[in-house]
Amino acid sequence: MNNKGLEFEDYISRRIGKTEEHASTTIRSGGVHDDEDVKTRNYLIQCKYDERRDNFIITKKDWDKLSSNVIKNPNQDGNYRTGIFAVKNKSRDIIVAISLEDFLAMVEKINHKEDNNEE
């Protein structure tokens, strides 16, 4: 992985570290095995930076690898982390992808917090 890819991983780690404790790039970050690049108590994040394309591409193989790593790496409480795929294209746009079930769980959690704040 080039320095720009590692800079992207560091950026993700710093940003998520503002709200998540112990966010850091992983030992395998930047490796050839496509393991997670950023890890927190609640999230495993795989980062991809493609300097050649404007399209955002997540292969099925990469998605399956992330999903497998989520199951293999529960947090200290034994709960599964949420797998997130972060992709940056040559125009430096960034998107993230998560499973529909994880997205819906996040929305429900946010709405539940808002409901509690109104009371």
Protein backbone atom coordinates (compact mmCIF):
# COMPACT_ATOMS: atom_id res chain seq x y z
CA MET A 1 0.00 0.00 0.00
CA ASN A 2 1.27 3.46 -0.78
CA ASN A 3 1.62 6.33 1.67
CA LYS A 4 -1.67 7.87 0.51
CA GLY A 5 -3.49 4.68 1.48
CA LEU A 6 -1.86 4.73 4.92
CA GLU A 7 -2.71 8.44 5.28
CA PHE A 8 -6.35 7.55 4.52
CA GLU A 9 -6.32 4.88 7.23
CA ASP A 10 -4.76 7.31 9.71
CA TYR A 11 -7.41 9.92 8.82
CA ILE A 12 -10.22 7.42 9.45
CA SER A 13 -8.61 6.35 12.73
CA ARG A 14 -8.23 9.95 13.95
CA ARG A 15 -11.78 10.93 12.98
CA ILE A 16 -13.49 7.91 14.54
CA GLY A 17 -11.19 8.26 17.54
CA LYS A 18 -12.97 11.50 18.41
CA THR A 19 -16.05 9.50 19.43
CA GLU A 20 -14.75 5.95 19.87
CA GLU A 21 -12.21 4.97 22.50
CA HIS A 22 -9.07 3.16 21.42
CA ALA A 23 -9.38 3.77 17.69
CA SER A 24 -6.18 2.87 15.90
CA THR A 25 -4.79 1.45 12.74
CA THR A 26 -4.11 -2.24 13.09
CA ILE A 27 -0.84 -4.12 12.91
CA ARG A 28 -1.99 -5.61 9.60
CA SER A 29 -2.93 -2.19 8.25
CA GLY A 30 -1.63 -1.71 4.75
CA GLY A 31 -0.94 -5.41 4.38
CA VAL A 32 -1.63 -7.58 1.39
CA HIS A 33 -4.22 -9.75 3.14
CA ASP A 34 -7.05 -7.17 3.09
CA ASP A 35 -7.60 -7.51 6.82
CA GLU A 36 -9.17 -4.66 8.71
CA ASP A 37 -7.19 -1.42 8.74
CA VAL A 38 -8.81 0.44 11.65
CA LYS A 39 -10.19 -1.16 14.78
CA THR A 40 -12.21 0.20 17.69
CA ARG A 41 -14.22 -1.47 20.39
CA ASN A 42 -17.33 -1.33 18.18
CA TYR A 43 -16.04 -1.25 14.59
CA LEU A 44 -13.74 -3.03 12.16
CA ILE A 45 -12.98 -0.78 9.21
CA GLN A 46 -11.46 -1.85 5.91
CA CYS A 47 -10.06 1.11 3.93
CA LYS A 48 -9.55 1.18 0.17
CA TYR A 49 -8.00 4.09 -1.71
CA ASP A 50 -8.08 3.90 -5.49
CA GLU A 51 -6.05 6.66 -7.14
CA ARG A 52 -6.97 5.45 -10.63
CA ARG A 53 -10.77 5.37 -10.62
CA ASP A 54 -13.64 7.72 -9.95
CA ASN A 55 -16.00 4.79 -9.38
CA PHE A 56 -16.35 3.26 -5.95
CA ILE A 57 -15.68 -0.45 -6.17
CA ILE A 58 -16.11 -2.98 -3.40
CA THR A 59 -15.60 -6.52 -4.58
CA LYS A 60 -17.64 -9.39 -3.19
CA LYS A 61 -14.39 -11.04 -2.13
CA ASP A 62 -13.38 -7.96 -0.08
CA TRP A 63 -16.85 -7.68 1.47
CA ASP A 64 -16.82 -11.37 2.43
CA LYS A 65 -13.34 -11.00 3.97
CA LEU A 66 -14.53 -8.07 6.11
CA SER A 67 -17.66 -9.99 7.15
CA SER A 68 -15.51 -12.97 8.11
CA ASN A 69 -13.17 -10.77 10.16
CA VAL A 70 -16.14 -9.33 12.06
CA ILE A 71 -17.12 -12.83 13.18
CA LYS A 72 -13.53 -13.82 14.03
CA ASN A 73 -12.84 -10.67 16.08
CA PRO A 74 -15.55 -9.99 18.67
CA ASN A 75 -14.87 -7.19 21.13
CA GLN A 76 -13.88 -7.78 24.76
CA ASP A 77 -17.53 -8.19 25.76
CA GLY A 78 -17.96 -10.97 23.21
CA ASN A 79 -20.19 -8.79 21.01
CA TYR A 80 -19.58 -8.51 17.29
CA ARG A 81 -18.15 -5.31 15.92
CA THR A 82 -19.80 -3.54 13.00
CA GLY A 83 -17.91 -4.04 9.75
CA ILE A 84 -17.44 -0.87 7.73
CA PHE A 85 -15.90 -0.50 4.31
CA ALA A 86 -14.44 2.97 3.66
CA VAL A 87 -13.57 3.78 0.05
CA LYS A 88 -11.78 6.84 -1.33
CA ASN A 89 -11.62 7.47 -5.09
CA LYS A 90 -9.19 9.45 -7.23
CA SER A 91 -11.34 12.58 -6.80
CA ARG A 92 -10.86 12.14 -3.04
CA ASP A 93 -14.55 11.52 -2.41
CA ILE A 94 -15.12 9.13 0.49
CA ILE A 95 -18.04 6.78 1.05
CA VAL A 96 -18.65 4.06 3.58
CA ALA A 97 -20.61 0.87 3.20
CA ILE A 98 -22.18 -1.22 5.93
CA SER A 99 -24.70 -4.03 5.89
CA LEU A 100 -28.36 -3.06 5.83
CA GLU A 101 -28.94 -4.70 9.23
CA ASP A 102 -26.09 -2.71 10.81
CA PHE A 103 -27.39 0.50 9.20
CA LEU A 104 -30.91 -0.09 10.53
CA ALA A 105 -29.55 -0.87 14.00
CA MET A 106 -27.63 2.44 13.97
CA VAL A 107 -30.74 4.36 12.91
CA GLU A 108 -32.80 2.70 15.65
CA LYS A 109 -30.12 3.53 18.24
CA ILE A 110 -29.98 7.17 17.13
CA ASN A 111 -33.77 7.49 17.17
CA HIS A 112 -33.95 5.85 20.61
CA LYS A 113 -31.41 8.37 21.98
CA GLU A 114 -33.37 11.26 20.47
CA ASP A 115 -36.59 9.96 22.02
CA ASN A 116 -34.89 9.72 25.42
CA ASN A 117 -33.56 13.28 25.12
CA GLU A 118 -37.06 14.65 24.47
CA GLU A 119 -38.43 13.23 27.70
